[in-house]
Amino acid sequence: IFFFFFALLLYLPQLLLITSPAGYHRAIGVSIFSRDQTPPGYSQELGDWQRLYLAPREVLSLYWHYFSPSNLFWQNDYNPQRRVEGYSVFYLWQLPLLLIGVWTFFKKKFKESKYFLFWLALAPIPAALTADPFHTYRAILLFLPLTLLIALGFGQLLSLISKMKNLVILISLVGILYSVSAYLFSLLELTPITRWRDWDYGYGEVSQFIKEQPSTLRVVIDDPNTESYIHLLFNQVASFKLGGEYYKNPDVLRPEKVGRFEFRSVDWPTERGDKNTLFVFPSNRLYPSEFSGDPKLNLEKTIYSPSGEPAFYIIKTYN
């Protein structure tokens, strides 16, 4: 009972967040039940009754995606923002150990087996209720039970080849060191160069530059998806209190305006004549030829990506 109430106490902030407008927005943004489109396989001729079959089938399909070896061991996340090239949730060399672990688990019939299987069955359910086919972050609930099975498989392997135990441990340590080093190199060196745009690189510098400008200056960020507002809130350019006012309205999923900051698609031919405005453009949304040579426009700053390409153009209009 003590541990139950202790766990409840730890979850209290999360429970309060769930009941807030921000939690509501997050739920409707990812839940499979809140989307407008019909389930895969839906036919207009058959009517809505088929949802009774198609919706559970889709949830079950999403559920089994989290047990797919390709998703867990070698296939990248479909979303490039969460992707590290060549890696998934586990290393590929862990797959044989998992298979040995599963075989050992059912062979030895541990006393706690039913609780472990219950844990394993429950783990993917929250992720399966979201619309993503496979989400590496949401697979975290499945990570620990599968890791235990992999460890069980490794232990069984050592017992099967006990005469070569020390050699196997040495080879394993070298393999782990190599795998971790290769992963860190890909994550820290290669991925920032190849995925910087997917990772919203440059908003930290954009935020710092905006902080140095007059506090009354109108700022317009060219962002058709209206997601850049979160970076300004995170970097404390726009106050959390001000941003929270917009979340009190459950109908506003992503605000297009927070105070003096606007987040939307910019009609540049029309809006380039606006006075005393700071425009922030991703480099793939505006070409230098579209602002060069105009005396009423000034390129205040160019922010560069890790690959050396321009990431953002910050342009100021004058009277």
Protein backbone atom coordinates (compact mmCIF):
# COMPACT_ATOMS: atom_id res chain seq x y z
CA ILE A 1 0.00 0.00 0.00
CA PHE A 2 2.85 2.37 0.85
CA PHE A 3 4.43 1.90 -2.57
CA PHE A 4 1.08 2.43 -4.28
CA PHE A 5 0.58 5.82 -2.64
CA PHE A 6 4.24 6.70 -3.19
CA ALA A 7 3.87 5.94 -6.91
CA LEU A 8 0.64 7.95 -6.98
CA LEU A 9 2.49 10.89 -5.41
CA LEU A 10 5.20 10.68 -8.06
CA TYR A 11 2.57 10.64 -10.80
CA LEU A 12 0.61 13.57 -9.36
CA PRO A 13 2.29 16.24 -11.56
CA GLN A 14 1.59 14.10 -14.62
CA LEU A 15 -2.04 13.61 -13.61
CA LEU A 16 -2.46 17.36 -13.16
CA LEU A 17 -0.91 17.94 -16.59
CA ILE A 18 -3.30 15.48 -18.22
CA THR A 19 -6.31 17.46 -16.97
CA SER A 20 -4.88 20.78 -18.20
CA PRO A 21 -5.62 22.34 -21.63
CA ALA A 22 -2.04 21.51 -22.67
CA GLY A 23 -2.67 17.85 -21.89
CA TYR A 24 -5.91 18.00 -23.85
CA HIS A 25 -4.12 19.45 -26.88
CA ARG A 26 -1.47 16.76 -26.71
CA ALA A 27 -4.08 14.02 -26.46
CA ILE A 28 -6.09 15.17 -29.46
CA GLY A 29 -2.88 15.71 -31.40
CA VAL A 30 -1.65 12.10 -31.15
CA SER A 31 -4.67 9.94 -30.26
CA ILE A 32 -5.92 7.54 -32.89
CA PHE A 33 -9.49 8.28 -31.78
CA SER A 34 -9.35 12.04 -32.42
CA ARG A 35 -8.35 12.06 -36.07
CA ASP A 36 -10.85 12.81 -38.82
CA GLN A 37 -9.80 10.33 -41.51
CA THR A 38 -11.35 6.91 -41.85
CA PRO A 39 -9.49 3.71 -40.85
CA PRO A 40 -7.36 1.96 -43.51
CA GLY A 41 -9.48 -0.30 -45.71
CA TYR A 42 -12.63 1.81 -45.33
CA SER A 43 -15.03 1.65 -48.28
CA GLN A 44 -17.70 4.30 -48.83
CA GLU A 45 -20.06 1.72 -50.33
CA LEU A 46 -20.15 -0.42 -47.19
CA GLY A 47 -21.15 2.30 -44.72
CA ASP A 48 -20.01 3.14 -41.19
CA TRP A 49 -20.72 -0.28 -39.71
CA GLN A 50 -17.33 -1.46 -40.99
CA ARG A 51 -15.62 0.83 -38.45
CA LEU A 52 -16.56 -1.75 -35.80
CA TYR A 53 -14.15 -4.13 -37.52
CA LEU A 54 -11.57 -1.78 -39.08
CA ALA A 55 -10.85 0.35 -35.98
CA PRO A 56 -9.95 -2.60 -33.68
CA ARG A 57 -7.96 -4.15 -36.53
CA GLU A 58 -5.93 -0.96 -36.89
CA VAL A 59 -5.25 -0.76 -33.14
CA LEU A 60 -4.18 -4.41 -33.12
CA SER A 61 -1.90 -3.78 -36.10
CA LEU A 62 -0.30 -0.81 -34.35
CA TYR A 63 0.09 -2.95 -31.22
CA TRP A 64 1.97 -5.70 -33.05
CA HIS A 65 4.21 -3.13 -34.75
CA TYR A 66 5.96 -2.75 -31.38
CA PHE A 67 6.94 -6.41 -31.40
CA SER A 68 8.21 -6.31 -34.98
CA PRO A 69 11.92 -7.28 -35.21
CA SER A 70 12.43 -4.87 -38.11
CA ASN A 71 11.10 -1.93 -36.07
CA LEU A 72 13.03 -2.90 -32.95
CA PHE A 73 16.39 -3.87 -34.45
CA TRP A 74 17.19 -2.44 -37.86
CA GLN A 75 14.51 -0.18 -39.32
CA ASN A 76 14.74 3.57 -38.69
CA ASP A 77 11.84 5.56 -37.27
CA TYR A 78 9.66 6.85 -40.12
CA ASN A 79 9.91 10.38 -38.69
CA PRO A 80 13.32 11.89 -39.61
CA GLN A 81 13.21 14.02 -36.46
CA ARG A 82 13.60 10.88 -34.34
CA ARG A 83 15.98 9.07 -36.67
CA VAL A 84 19.63 8.21 -36.19
CA GLU A 85 20.75 6.59 -39.44
CA GLY A 86 21.46 2.88 -39.16
CA TYR A 87 19.98 2.44 -35.68
CA SER A 88 16.67 1.53 -34.13
CA VAL A 89 15.67 0.79 -30.52
CA PHE A 90 18.18 -2.06 -30.09
CA TYR A 91 21.43 -3.05 -31.77
CA LEU A 92 21.09 -5.75 -34.41
CA TRP A 93 23.50 -8.08 -32.60
CA GLN A 94 21.07 -8.19 -29.65
CA LEU A 95 18.44 -10.02 -31.71
CA PRO A 96 20.01 -13.52 -31.33
CA LEU A 97 20.33 -12.90 -27.58
CA LEU A 98 16.64 -11.98 -27.42
CA LEU A 99 15.67 -15.20 -29.20
CA ILE A 100 17.81 -17.23 -26.79
CA GLY A 101 16.27 -15.32 -23.89
CA VAL A 102 12.71 -16.05 -25.04
CA TRP A 103 13.56 -19.74 -25.46
CA THR A 104 15.13 -19.85 -21.98
CA PHE A 105 12.20 -17.99 -20.42
CA PHE A 106 9.61 -20.51 -21.59
CA LYS A 107 11.87 -23.50 -20.97
CA LYS A 108 12.66 -22.71 -17.33
CA LYS A 109 9.13 -21.57 -16.36
CA PHE A 110 10.04 -18.99 -13.76
CA LYS A 111 7.69 -18.46 -10.80
CA GLU A 112 7.11 -14.82 -11.79
CA SER A 113 6.51 -15.66 -15.49
CA LYS A 114 2.84 -14.67 -15.53
CA TYR A 115 3.59 -11.23 -14.07
CA PHE A 116 6.36 -10.67 -16.58
CA LEU A 117 4.15 -11.70 -19.51
CA PHE A 118 1.41 -9.40 -18.22
CA TRP A 119 3.94 -6.53 -18.11
CA LEU A 120 5.15 -7.38 -21.61
CA ALA A 121 1.59 -7.45 -22.97
CA LEU A 122 0.61 -4.13 -21.37
CA ALA A 123 3.73 -2.18 -22.37
CA PRO A 124 2.83 -1.33 -26.01
CA ILE A 125 -0.83 -0.46 -25.39
CA PRO A 126 -0.38 3.32 -24.78
CA ALA A 127 1.77 3.60 -27.92
CA ALA A 128 -0.71 1.54 -29.96
CA LEU A 129 -3.46 4.06 -29.18
CA THR A 130 -1.57 6.79 -31.05
CA ALA A 131 -1.68 7.28 -34.79
CA ASP A 132 2.03 6.67 -35.46
CA PRO A 133 2.85 3.24 -36.93
CA PHE A 134 5.97 2.98 -34.75
CA HIS A 135 7.41 5.60 -32.43
CA THR A 136 10.86 4.93 -30.96
CA TYR A 137 10.23 7.18 -27.94
CA ARG A 138 6.95 5.49 -27.11
CA ALA A 139 8.62 2.09 -27.32
CA ILE A 140 10.43 2.96 -24.07
CA LEU A 141 7.83 1.07 -22.00
CA LEU A 142 8.79 -2.08 -23.87
CA PHE A 143 12.52 -1.42 -23.58
CA LEU A 144 13.04 -2.77 -20.04
CA PRO A 145 11.22 -6.14 -20.38
CA LEU A 146 12.94 -6.85 -23.70
CA THR A 147 16.29 -5.85 -22.20
CA LEU A 148 15.71 -8.36 -19.39
CA LEU A 149 15.06 -11.07 -21.97
CA ILE A 150 18.24 -10.11 -23.83
CA ALA A 151 20.19 -10.29 -20.57
CA LEU A 152 18.63 -13.69 -19.86
CA GLY A 153 19.72 -14.84 -23.30
CA PHE A 154 23.26 -13.62 -22.74
CA GLY A 155 23.43 -15.44 -19.40
CA GLN A 156 22.17 -18.63 -21.03
CA LEU A 157 24.76 -18.29 -23.80
CA LEU A 158 27.54 -18.04 -21.22
CA SER A 159 26.30 -21.16 -19.46
CA LEU A 160 26.18 -23.11 -22.74
CA ILE A 161 29.78 -22.29 -23.59
CA SER A 162 31.20 -22.08 -20.08
CA LYS A 163 34.66 -23.18 -21.24
CA MET A 164 34.92 -20.06 -23.41
CA LYS A 165 33.17 -17.78 -20.94
CA ASN A 166 36.04 -15.31 -20.52
CA LEU A 167 36.59 -15.07 -24.28
CA VAL A 168 32.89 -14.45 -24.90
CA ILE A 169 32.81 -11.71 -22.24
CA LEU A 170 35.89 -10.07 -23.79
CA ILE A 171 34.43 -10.19 -27.30
CA SER A 172 31.13 -8.84 -25.96
CA LEU A 173 32.84 -5.90 -24.23
CA VAL A 174 34.75 -5.04 -27.41
CA GLY A 175 31.55 -5.32 -29.44
CA ILE A 176 29.59 -3.13 -27.02
CA LEU A 177 32.35 -0.52 -26.98
CA TYR A 178 32.45 -0.46 -30.78
CA SER A 179 28.64 -0.29 -31.10
CA VAL A 180 28.31 2.56 -28.60
CA SER A 181 31.20 4.48 -30.21
CA ALA A 182 29.71 4.08 -33.69
CA TYR A 183 26.30 5.16 -32.42
CA LEU A 184 27.67 8.26 -30.69
CA PHE A 185 29.66 9.18 -33.81
CA SER A 186 26.51 8.91 -35.93
CA LEU A 187 24.42 10.81 -33.37
CA LEU A 188 26.88 13.62 -32.58
CA GLU A 189 28.79 14.00 -35.86
CA LEU A 190 26.79 12.71 -38.82
CA THR A 191 23.19 13.29 -37.76
CA PRO A 192 23.57 17.04 -37.01
CA ILE A 193 24.85 17.48 -40.57
CA THR A 194 22.21 15.35 -42.30
CA ARG A 195 19.20 16.02 -40.03
CA TRP A 196 19.67 19.57 -38.80
CA ARG A 197 16.52 20.82 -40.51
CA ASP A 198 14.44 17.95 -39.12
CA TRP A 199 15.78 18.75 -35.64
CA ASP A 200 14.75 22.44 -35.91
CA TYR A 201 18.36 23.54 -35.68
CA GLY A 202 18.95 27.27 -35.25
CA TYR A 203 16.03 28.35 -33.08
CA GLY A 204 18.36 28.86 -30.13
CA GLU A 205 20.32 31.49 -32.07
CA VAL A 206 17.10 32.98 -33.45
CA SER A 207 15.77 33.32 -29.90
CA GLN A 208 18.98 34.93 -28.66
CA PHE A 209 18.92 37.47 -31.48
CA ILE A 210 15.28 38.37 -30.82
CA LYS A 211 16.07 38.92 -27.13
CA GLU A 212 18.60 41.58 -28.15
CA GLN A 213 15.98 43.54 -30.11
CA PRO A 214 13.53 46.15 -28.73
CA SER A 215 10.77 44.51 -26.70
CA THR A 216 8.09 46.26 -28.77
CA LEU A 217 9.32 45.05 -32.16
CA ARG A 218 6.85 42.94 -34.13
CA VAL A 219 8.29 39.53 -34.98
CA VAL A 220 6.91 37.27 -37.73
CA ILE A 221 8.28 33.75 -38.16
CA ASP A 222 7.51 32.10 -41.47
CA ASP A 223 6.21 28.73 -40.32
CA PRO A 224 3.29 27.10 -42.18
CA ASN A 225 3.01 24.42 -39.46
CA THR A 226 2.87 27.06 -36.66
CA GLU A 227 5.14 24.92 -34.46
CA SER A 228 7.99 27.39 -33.92
CA TYR A 229 6.14 29.12 -31.07
CA ILE A 230 7.25 26.34 -28.73
CA HIS A 231 10.91 27.26 -29.30
CA LEU A 232 10.30 30.87 -28.29
CA LEU A 233 8.49 29.71 -25.16
CA PHE A 234 11.24 27.23 -24.32
CA ASN A 235 13.98 29.83 -24.82
CA GLN A 236 11.96 32.34 -22.75
CA VAL A 237 11.59 34.86 -25.54
CA ALA A 238 7.82 34.78 -25.06
CA SER A 239 6.71 34.31 -21.46
CA PHE A 240 5.11 31.06 -20.34
CA LYS A 241 2.34 33.03 -18.72
CA LEU A 242 1.50 34.71 -22.01
CA GLY A 243 1.68 31.43 -23.91
CA GLY A 244 -0.50 29.72 -21.32
CA GLU A 245 -3.31 32.18 -21.95
CA TYR A 246 -3.74 30.78 -25.45
CA TYR A 247 -3.87 27.19 -24.19
CA LYS A 248 -6.87 27.96 -22.01
CA ASN A 249 -8.92 27.73 -25.18
CA PRO A 250 -9.12 24.01 -26.02
CA ASP A 251 -9.95 24.83 -29.66
CA VAL A 252 -6.51 26.39 -30.25
CA LEU A 253 -4.06 23.60 -30.97
CA ARG A 254 -1.17 25.76 -32.20
CA PRO A 255 -1.50 29.53 -31.79
CA GLU A 256 -0.62 31.68 -34.79
CA LYS A 257 0.01 34.69 -32.57
CA VAL A 258 1.40 35.03 -29.06
CA GLY A 259 1.71 38.66 -28.01
CA ARG A 260 3.90 40.45 -30.56
CA PHE A 261 5.06 37.17 -32.10
CA GLU A 262 3.35 35.66 -35.15
CA PHE A 263 3.83 32.11 -36.44
CA ARG A 264 2.35 31.50 -39.87
CA SER A 265 3.00 31.33 -43.58
CA VAL A 266 4.25 34.72 -44.82
CA ASP A 267 3.01 36.21 -48.10
CA TRP A 268 6.34 37.88 -48.83
CA PRO A 269 5.42 39.91 -51.96
CA THR A 270 2.63 41.57 -49.95
CA GLU A 271 4.15 41.73 -46.47
CA ARG A 272 7.65 42.89 -47.39
CA GLY A 273 6.22 46.41 -47.27
CA ASP A 274 5.21 46.12 -43.59
CA LYS A 275 7.09 48.64 -41.48
CA ASN A 276 9.26 47.99 -38.43
CA THR A 277 8.91 44.23 -38.54
CA LEU A 278 11.44 41.47 -37.97
CA PHE A 279 10.89 38.54 -40.32
CA VAL A 280 12.47 35.15 -39.65
CA PHE A 281 12.63 32.82 -42.66
CA PRO A 282 13.94 29.26 -42.90
CA SER A 283 16.45 29.26 -45.74
CA ASN A 284 14.30 26.91 -47.83
CA ARG A 285 11.36 29.34 -47.63
CA LEU A 286 13.04 32.46 -49.02
CA TYR A 287 15.88 32.99 -51.50
CA PRO A 288 18.47 35.79 -51.11
CA SER A 289 17.36 37.25 -54.45
CA GLU A 290 13.98 38.00 -52.86
CA PHE A 291 15.38 40.45 -50.33
CA SER A 292 18.73 41.64 -51.71
CA GLY A 293 19.05 45.16 -53.09
CA ASP A 294 15.95 46.62 -51.42
CA PRO A 295 16.91 49.70 -49.33
CA LYS A 296 13.88 49.17 -47.07
CA LEU A 297 15.06 45.68 -46.12
CA ASN A 298 18.11 44.72 -44.13
CA LEU A 299 19.50 41.24 -43.62
CA GLU A 300 20.19 41.44 -39.89
CA LYS A 301 21.63 37.98 -39.46
CA THR A 302 22.18 34.68 -41.26
CA ILE A 303 22.21 31.61 -39.05
CA TYR A 304 24.20 28.69 -40.42
CA SER A 305 23.63 24.97 -39.95
CA PRO A 306 26.30 22.42 -38.89
CA SER A 307 26.71 21.55 -42.59
CA GLY A 308 27.61 25.16 -43.40
CA GLU A 309 24.35 25.89 -45.22
CA PRO A 310 22.18 28.86 -44.24
CA ALA A 311 19.49 27.74 -41.79
CA PHE A 312 17.65 31.05 -41.21
CA TYR A 313 17.54 34.53 -42.67
CA ILE A 314 16.52 37.29 -40.25
CA ILE A 315 15.31 40.35 -42.12
CA LYS A 316 14.18 43.69 -40.74
CA THR A 317 11.92 46.16 -42.52
CA TYR A 318 12.20 49.91 -41.97
CA ASN A 319 9.95 52.90 -42.45
